[in-house]
Structures are given as structure tokens and as C-alpha cells.
Amino acid sequence: MADFPDLSGYQVYACGGPAMIDAARQDFTVQRGLPPNEFFADSFTYAVQPEPAA
């Protein structure tokens, strides 16, 4: 955040867990002026692994 105090002229593409994506979107748009339509993301989701048959 300290490296880019003004993101108003940028696009951001973020990858990571859902909590990190939500936090980045919030921080970049509210605190650093990133236009909301310039935030793009791939949120990692995790599938439940089935238990092997006994």
C-alpha cells in the first residue's frame, strides 16, 4: 500500500484466497482511489475432498 498511494489511474488484477481478494478490493478502492470497475480477480476456492470408501 505504501508503494502506491494513488491507484486512480491503474488496473489491478489480484489472485488469492477469498478473504485476501475481498480485503484488497476494499483497501484499494476505498483507501487508494482505485475505480471499482478496474479491479479484476481470480479467487481461489477449495473443493471438499471426498473421503475414500472404506
C-alpha atoms as a PDB file:
ATOM      1  CA  MET A   1       0.000   0.000   0.000  1.00  0.00           C
ATOM      2  CA  ALA A   2       2.842   2.415   0.797  1.00  0.00           C
ATOM      3  CA  ASP A   3       4.369   1.917  -2.659  1.00  0.00           C
ATOM      4  CA  PHE A   4       1.223   3.063  -4.498  1.00  0.00           C
ATOM      5  CA  PRO A   5      -0.634   5.774  -2.567  1.00  0.00           C
ATOM      6  CA  ASP A   6      -2.857   6.654  -5.565  1.00  0.00           C
ATOM      7  CA  LEU A   7      -4.315   3.869  -7.716  1.00  0.00           C
ATOM      8  CA  SER A   8      -6.811   6.065  -9.558  1.00  0.00           C
ATOM      9  CA  GLY A   9      -5.019   5.589 -12.897  1.00  0.00           C
ATOM     10  CA  TYR A  10      -4.375   1.848 -12.569  1.00  0.00           C
ATOM     11  CA  GLN A  11      -5.985  -1.502 -13.134  1.00  0.00           C
ATOM     12  CA  VAL A  12      -5.432  -4.245 -10.557  1.00  0.00           C
ATOM     13  CA  TYR A  13      -5.570  -7.990 -11.167  1.00  0.00           C
ATOM     14  CA  ALA A  14      -5.393  -9.988  -7.943  1.00  0.00           C
ATOM     15  CA  CYS A  15      -5.204 -13.729  -7.300  1.00  0.00           C
ATOM     16  CA  GLY A  16      -5.587 -15.396  -3.930  1.00  0.00           C
ATOM     17  CA  GLY A  17      -7.934 -16.633  -1.287  1.00  0.00           C
ATOM     18  CA  PRO A  18     -11.411 -15.116  -0.985  1.00  0.00           C
ATOM     19  CA  ALA A  19     -10.561 -13.169   2.188  1.00  0.00           C
ATOM     20  CA  MET A  20      -7.469 -11.641   0.575  1.00  0.00           C
ATOM     21  CA  ILE A  21      -9.393 -10.672  -2.570  1.00  0.00           C
ATOM     22  CA  ASP A  22     -12.143  -9.027  -0.509  1.00  0.00           C
ATOM     23  CA  ALA A  23      -9.607  -7.123   1.607  1.00  0.00           C
ATOM     24  CA  ALA A  24      -7.620  -5.986  -1.434  1.00  0.00           C
ATOM     25  CA  ARG A  25     -10.754  -4.788  -3.247  1.00  0.00           C
ATOM     26  CA  GLN A  26     -11.857  -2.831  -0.170  1.00  0.00           C
ATOM     27  CA  ASP A  27      -8.438  -1.316   0.584  1.00  0.00           C
ATOM     28  CA  PHE A  28      -7.546  -0.418  -2.999  1.00  0.00           C
ATOM     29  CA  THR A  29     -10.875   1.193  -3.848  1.00  0.00           C
ATOM     30  CA  VAL A  30     -11.581   2.955  -0.539  1.00  0.00           C
ATOM     31  CA  GLN A  31      -8.089   3.873   0.644  1.00  0.00           C
ATOM     32  CA  ARG A  32      -6.210   4.265  -2.637  1.00  0.00           C
ATOM     33  CA  GLY A  33      -8.837   5.545  -5.079  1.00  0.00           C
ATOM     34  CA  LEU A  34      -8.868   2.591  -7.473  1.00  0.00           C
ATOM     35  CA  PRO A  35     -12.009   2.776  -9.629  1.00  0.00           C
ATOM     36  CA  PRO A  36     -14.144  -0.256  -8.648  1.00  0.00           C
ATOM     37  CA  ASN A  37     -14.529  -1.329 -12.293  1.00  0.00           C
ATOM     38  CA  GLU A  38     -10.705  -1.533 -12.627  1.00  0.00           C
ATOM     39  CA  PHE A  39     -10.327  -4.318 -10.033  1.00  0.00           C
ATOM     40  CA  PHE A  40     -10.185  -7.813 -11.512  1.00  0.00           C
ATOM     41  CA  ALA A  41      -9.642 -11.015  -9.561  1.00  0.00           C
ATOM     42  CA  ASP A  42      -9.402 -14.783  -9.593  1.00  0.00           C
ATOM     43  CA  SER A  43     -10.382 -16.006  -6.171  1.00  0.00           C
ATOM     44  CA  PHE A  44      -9.035 -19.405  -5.187  1.00  0.00           C
ATOM     45  CA  THR A  45     -11.787 -21.675  -3.988  1.00  0.00           C
ATOM     46  CA  TYR A  46     -11.360 -25.033  -2.399  1.00  0.00           C
ATOM     47  CA  ALA A  47     -13.437 -28.123  -3.078  1.00  0.00           C
ATOM     48  CA  VAL A  48     -14.266 -30.578  -0.365  1.00  0.00           C
ATOM     49  CA  GLN A  49     -12.252 -33.742  -0.817  1.00  0.00           C
ATOM     50  CA  PRO A  50     -14.448 -36.850  -0.538  1.00  0.00           C
ATOM     51  CA  GLU A  51     -13.365 -39.470   1.958  1.00  0.00           C
ATOM     52  CA  PRO A  52     -12.203 -42.716   0.360  1.00  0.00           C
ATOM     53  CA  ALA A  53     -14.684 -45.591   0.532  1.00  0.00           C
ATOM     54  CA  ALA A  54     -13.980 -47.965   3.412  1.00  0.00           C
END
